[in-house]
Amino acid sequence: MDILTTAAQLTITTPISVRTLTDLYKYIHSTVLTSRHDFFMDPEEEEVRPGILVLVNDTDVEVYPEGNEYVLKEGDTVAFISTLHGG
């Protein structure tokens, strides 16, 4: 996915202000992505675009009661998987 970043896997250290998944989405949108920011999220909606599956520690974020307001913990792994593909 070179249009978003040059790495297939990326480890980032976030500022202390990044506490929730929503904070992480905004941080990635404004700081990490190299282009096509609009493919990742709509800043007005403050969530990732439809078609992007978000996993926290290998579990779909939709399973967590707090959803995108899940509070990140030290050592959490967050994965973004595109469910969209060409035919």
N, C-alpha and C. Protein backbone atom coordinates (compact mmCIF):
# COMPACT_ATOMS: atom_id res chain seq x y z
N MET A 1 0.83 -1.18 0.00
CA MET A 1 0.00 0.00 0.00
C MET A 1 0.87 1.24 0.00
N ASP A 2 1.68 1.38 -1.02
CA ASP A 2 2.60 2.50 -1.11
C ASP A 2 1.91 3.85 -1.16
N ILE A 3 0.62 3.87 -1.51
CA ILE A 3 -0.06 5.16 -1.57
C ILE A 3 -0.25 5.77 -0.19
N LEU A 4 -0.22 4.93 0.85
CA LEU A 4 -0.43 5.45 2.19
C LEU A 4 0.88 5.62 2.95
N THR A 5 1.72 4.64 2.89
CA THR A 5 3.01 4.70 3.55
C THR A 5 3.93 3.75 2.83
N THR A 6 5.22 3.85 3.01
CA THR A 6 6.15 2.99 2.31
C THR A 6 6.40 1.68 3.05
N ALA A 7 5.79 1.47 4.19
CA ALA A 7 6.01 0.27 4.98
C ALA A 7 4.75 -0.58 5.07
N ALA A 8 4.93 -1.91 4.99
CA ALA A 8 3.81 -2.82 5.19
C ALA A 8 3.50 -2.94 6.68
N GLN A 9 4.54 -2.84 7.49
CA GLN A 9 4.38 -2.86 8.95
C GLN A 9 5.17 -1.70 9.50
N LEU A 10 4.58 -1.02 10.44
CA LEU A 10 5.20 0.19 10.97
C LEU A 10 5.02 0.22 12.48
N THR A 11 6.10 0.44 13.18
CA THR A 11 6.04 0.62 14.63
C THR A 11 6.23 2.09 14.91
N ILE A 12 5.27 2.68 15.63
CA ILE A 12 5.38 4.11 15.93
C ILE A 12 5.25 4.33 17.44
N THR A 13 5.91 5.35 17.89
CA THR A 13 5.76 5.81 19.27
C THR A 13 4.91 7.06 19.20
N THR A 14 3.80 7.03 19.89
CA THR A 14 2.87 8.15 19.83
C THR A 14 3.07 9.09 21.01
N PRO A 15 2.71 10.34 20.83
CA PRO A 15 2.77 11.27 21.96
C PRO A 15 1.76 10.87 23.04
N ILE A 16 1.97 11.34 24.22
CA ILE A 16 1.09 10.99 25.34
C ILE A 16 -0.35 11.42 25.11
N SER A 17 -0.56 12.39 24.25
CA SER A 17 -1.92 12.86 23.97
C SER A 17 -2.75 11.83 23.19
N VAL A 18 -2.09 10.84 22.59
CA VAL A 18 -2.81 9.78 21.86
C VAL A 18 -3.21 8.71 22.87
N ARG A 19 -4.48 8.76 23.28
CA ARG A 19 -4.96 7.83 24.30
C ARG A 19 -5.94 6.81 23.76
N THR A 20 -6.78 7.20 22.80
CA THR A 20 -7.82 6.32 22.28
C THR A 20 -7.55 5.98 20.81
N LEU A 21 -8.31 5.04 20.29
CA LEU A 21 -8.19 4.73 18.87
C LEU A 21 -8.50 5.95 18.01
N THR A 22 -9.51 6.71 18.38
CA THR A 22 -9.82 7.92 17.62
C THR A 22 -8.63 8.86 17.59
N ASP A 23 -7.95 9.02 18.71
CA ASP A 23 -6.73 9.84 18.76
C ASP A 23 -5.68 9.28 17.81
N LEU A 24 -5.54 7.95 17.81
CA LEU A 24 -4.56 7.30 16.95
C LEU A 24 -4.88 7.52 15.48
N TYR A 25 -6.15 7.41 15.10
CA TYR A 25 -6.55 7.65 13.71
C TYR A 25 -6.13 9.05 13.28
N LYS A 26 -6.42 10.04 14.13
CA LYS A 26 -6.08 11.43 13.80
C LYS A 26 -4.57 11.62 13.71
N TYR A 27 -3.84 10.99 14.61
CA TYR A 27 -2.37 11.09 14.61
C TYR A 27 -1.79 10.49 13.33
N ILE A 28 -2.27 9.30 12.98
CA ILE A 28 -1.79 8.65 11.75
C ILE A 28 -2.15 9.49 10.54
N HIS A 29 -3.37 9.99 10.50
CA HIS A 29 -3.83 10.81 9.37
C HIS A 29 -2.96 12.04 9.17
N SER A 30 -2.61 12.71 10.26
CA SER A 30 -1.89 13.98 10.14
C SER A 30 -0.37 13.84 10.17
N THR A 31 0.16 12.73 10.68
CA THR A 31 1.60 12.63 10.90
C THR A 31 2.29 11.51 10.13
N VAL A 32 1.64 10.38 10.00
CA VAL A 32 2.31 9.18 9.48
C VAL A 32 2.11 9.00 7.98
N LEU A 33 0.91 9.22 7.48
CA LEU A 33 0.62 8.97 6.07
C LEU A 33 1.39 9.91 5.17
N THR A 34 1.87 9.36 4.06
CA THR A 34 2.66 10.16 3.14
C THR A 34 1.83 10.76 2.00
N SER A 35 0.68 10.17 1.71
CA SER A 35 -0.20 10.70 0.66
C SER A 35 -1.57 10.07 0.77
N ARG A 36 -2.51 10.59 -0.01
CA ARG A 36 -3.87 10.06 -0.09
C ARG A 36 -4.51 9.91 1.28
N HIS A 37 -4.34 10.90 2.12
CA HIS A 37 -4.87 10.87 3.48
C HIS A 37 -6.36 10.55 3.51
N ASP A 38 -7.07 11.00 2.49
CA ASP A 38 -8.53 10.80 2.46
C ASP A 38 -8.91 9.34 2.27
N PHE A 39 -7.99 8.48 1.83
CA PHE A 39 -8.28 7.05 1.71
C PHE A 39 -8.38 6.40 3.08
N PHE A 40 -7.73 6.97 4.07
CA PHE A 40 -7.67 6.37 5.40
C PHE A 40 -8.84 6.79 6.28
N MET A 41 -9.09 8.07 6.35
CA MET A 41 -10.18 8.53 7.22
C MET A 41 -10.73 9.87 6.76
N ASP A 42 -11.93 10.13 7.19
CA ASP A 42 -12.57 11.43 7.00
C ASP A 42 -12.39 12.18 8.31
N PRO A 43 -11.58 13.26 8.33
CA PRO A 43 -11.32 13.96 9.58
C PRO A 43 -12.56 14.48 10.28
N GLU A 44 -13.61 14.76 9.52
CA GLU A 44 -14.84 15.25 10.14
C GLU A 44 -15.56 14.14 10.90
N GLU A 45 -15.46 12.91 10.41
CA GLU A 45 -16.12 11.77 11.06
C GLU A 45 -15.28 11.20 12.20
N GLU A 46 -13.99 11.44 12.18
CA GLU A 46 -13.04 10.95 13.19
C GLU A 46 -13.04 9.44 13.32
N GLU A 47 -13.20 8.75 12.20
CA GLU A 47 -13.06 7.31 12.19
C GLU A 47 -12.55 6.88 10.82
N VAL A 48 -12.03 5.67 10.76
CA VAL A 48 -11.49 5.20 9.48
C VAL A 48 -12.62 4.99 8.49
N ARG A 49 -12.26 5.02 7.23
CA ARG A 49 -13.25 4.86 6.17
C ARG A 49 -13.84 3.45 6.19
N PRO A 50 -15.06 3.32 5.70
CA PRO A 50 -15.62 1.98 5.52
C PRO A 50 -14.69 1.17 4.61
N GLY A 51 -14.55 -0.10 4.89
CA GLY A 51 -13.66 -0.94 4.10
C GLY A 51 -12.30 -1.14 4.74
N ILE A 52 -12.05 -0.48 5.87
CA ILE A 52 -10.82 -0.69 6.61
C ILE A 52 -11.17 -1.34 7.94
N LEU A 53 -10.69 -2.55 8.11
CA LEU A 53 -10.91 -3.31 9.33
C LEU A 53 -9.84 -2.91 10.34
N VAL A 54 -10.25 -2.58 11.55
CA VAL A 54 -9.31 -2.20 12.60
C VAL A 54 -9.28 -3.32 13.64
N LEU A 55 -8.08 -3.86 13.87
CA LEU A 55 -7.90 -4.91 14.87
C LEU A 55 -7.02 -4.39 16.00
N VAL A 56 -7.44 -4.63 17.22
CA VAL A 56 -6.62 -4.31 18.38
C VAL A 56 -6.28 -5.65 19.03
N ASN A 57 -4.99 -5.95 19.07
CA ASN A 57 -4.54 -7.24 19.61
C ASN A 57 -5.28 -8.40 18.94
N ASP A 58 -5.37 -8.33 17.61
CA ASP A 58 -5.98 -9.36 16.77
C ASP A 58 -7.49 -9.51 16.96
N THR A 59 -8.15 -8.52 17.54
CA THR A 59 -9.60 -8.55 17.75
C THR A 59 -10.23 -7.33 17.08
N ASP A 60 -11.28 -7.57 16.32
CA ASP A 60 -11.99 -6.48 15.64
C ASP A 60 -12.45 -5.46 16.67
N VAL A 61 -12.16 -4.20 16.43
CA VAL A 61 -12.50 -3.13 17.37
C VAL A 61 -14.00 -3.07 17.62
N GLU A 62 -14.79 -3.54 16.68
CA GLU A 62 -16.24 -3.50 16.84
C GLU A 62 -16.72 -4.42 17.95
N VAL A 63 -15.88 -5.36 18.38
CA VAL A 63 -16.22 -6.28 19.46
C VAL A 63 -16.13 -5.58 20.82
N TYR A 64 -15.22 -4.61 20.91
CA TYR A 64 -15.04 -3.89 22.17
C TYR A 64 -16.23 -2.96 22.41
N PRO A 65 -16.79 -2.96 23.63
CA PRO A 65 -17.95 -2.09 23.91
C PRO A 65 -17.64 -0.61 23.67
N GLU A 66 -16.40 -0.19 23.93
CA GLU A 66 -16.05 1.22 23.76
C GLU A 66 -15.70 1.57 22.32
N GLY A 67 -15.59 0.58 21.43
CA GLY A 67 -15.33 0.83 20.02
C GLY A 67 -14.12 1.71 19.79
N ASN A 68 -14.31 2.79 19.02
CA ASN A 68 -13.20 3.68 18.68
C ASN A 68 -12.69 4.50 19.87
N GLU A 69 -13.42 4.46 20.96
CA GLU A 69 -12.96 5.16 22.17
C GLU A 69 -12.18 4.21 23.10
N TYR A 70 -11.82 3.04 22.57
CA TYR A 70 -10.97 2.10 23.30
C TYR A 70 -9.70 2.84 23.73
N VAL A 71 -9.35 2.71 25.00
CA VAL A 71 -8.15 3.36 25.52
C VAL A 71 -6.96 2.44 25.28
N LEU A 72 -6.00 2.94 24.52
CA LEU A 72 -4.81 2.16 24.19
C LEU A 72 -3.95 1.94 25.43
N LYS A 73 -3.36 0.75 25.48
CA LYS A 73 -2.49 0.38 26.59
C LYS A 73 -1.10 0.08 26.06
N GLU A 74 -0.10 0.22 26.90
CA GLU A 74 1.28 -0.12 26.53
C GLU A 74 1.31 -1.54 25.97
N GLY A 75 1.91 -1.70 24.80
CA GLY A 75 2.04 -3.02 24.21
C GLY A 75 0.91 -3.44 23.29
N ASP A 76 -0.18 -2.64 23.20
CA ASP A 76 -1.26 -2.96 22.27
C ASP A 76 -0.73 -2.95 20.84
N THR A 77 -1.27 -3.84 20.04
CA THR A 77 -0.96 -3.88 18.61
C THR A 77 -2.23 -3.51 17.86
N VAL A 78 -2.12 -2.53 16.97
CA VAL A 78 -3.26 -2.10 16.16
C VAL A 78 -2.93 -2.39 14.70
N ALA A 79 -3.84 -3.07 14.03
CA ALA A 79 -3.66 -3.40 12.62
C ALA A 79 -4.81 -2.81 11.81
N PHE A 80 -4.47 -2.32 10.63
CA PHE A 80 -5.47 -1.79 9.69
C PHE A 80 -5.42 -2.67 8.45
N ILE A 81 -6.55 -3.28 8.13
CA ILE A 81 -6.61 -4.20 7.00
C ILE A 81 -7.67 -3.71 6.03
N SER A 82 -7.28 -3.51 4.79
CA SER A 82 -8.24 -3.09 3.77
C SER A 82 -9.05 -4.31 3.32
N THR A 83 -10.35 -4.17 3.32
CA THR A 83 -11.23 -5.23 2.84
C THR A 83 -11.65 -4.97 1.40
N LEU A 84 -11.16 -3.89 0.82
CA LEU A 84 -11.48 -3.54 -0.56
C LEU A 84 -10.38 -4.06 -1.48
N HIS A 85 -10.79 -4.55 -2.63
CA HIS A 85 -9.82 -5.05 -3.59
C HIS A 85 -10.40 -4.94 -4.99
N GLY A 86 -9.51 -4.98 -5.93
CA GLY A 86 -9.94 -4.90 -7.33
C GLY A 86 -10.43 -6.26 -7.81
N GLY A 87 -11.10 -6.25 -8.93
CA GLY A 87 -11.63 -7.51 -9.44
C GLY A 87 -11.08 -7.85 -10.79
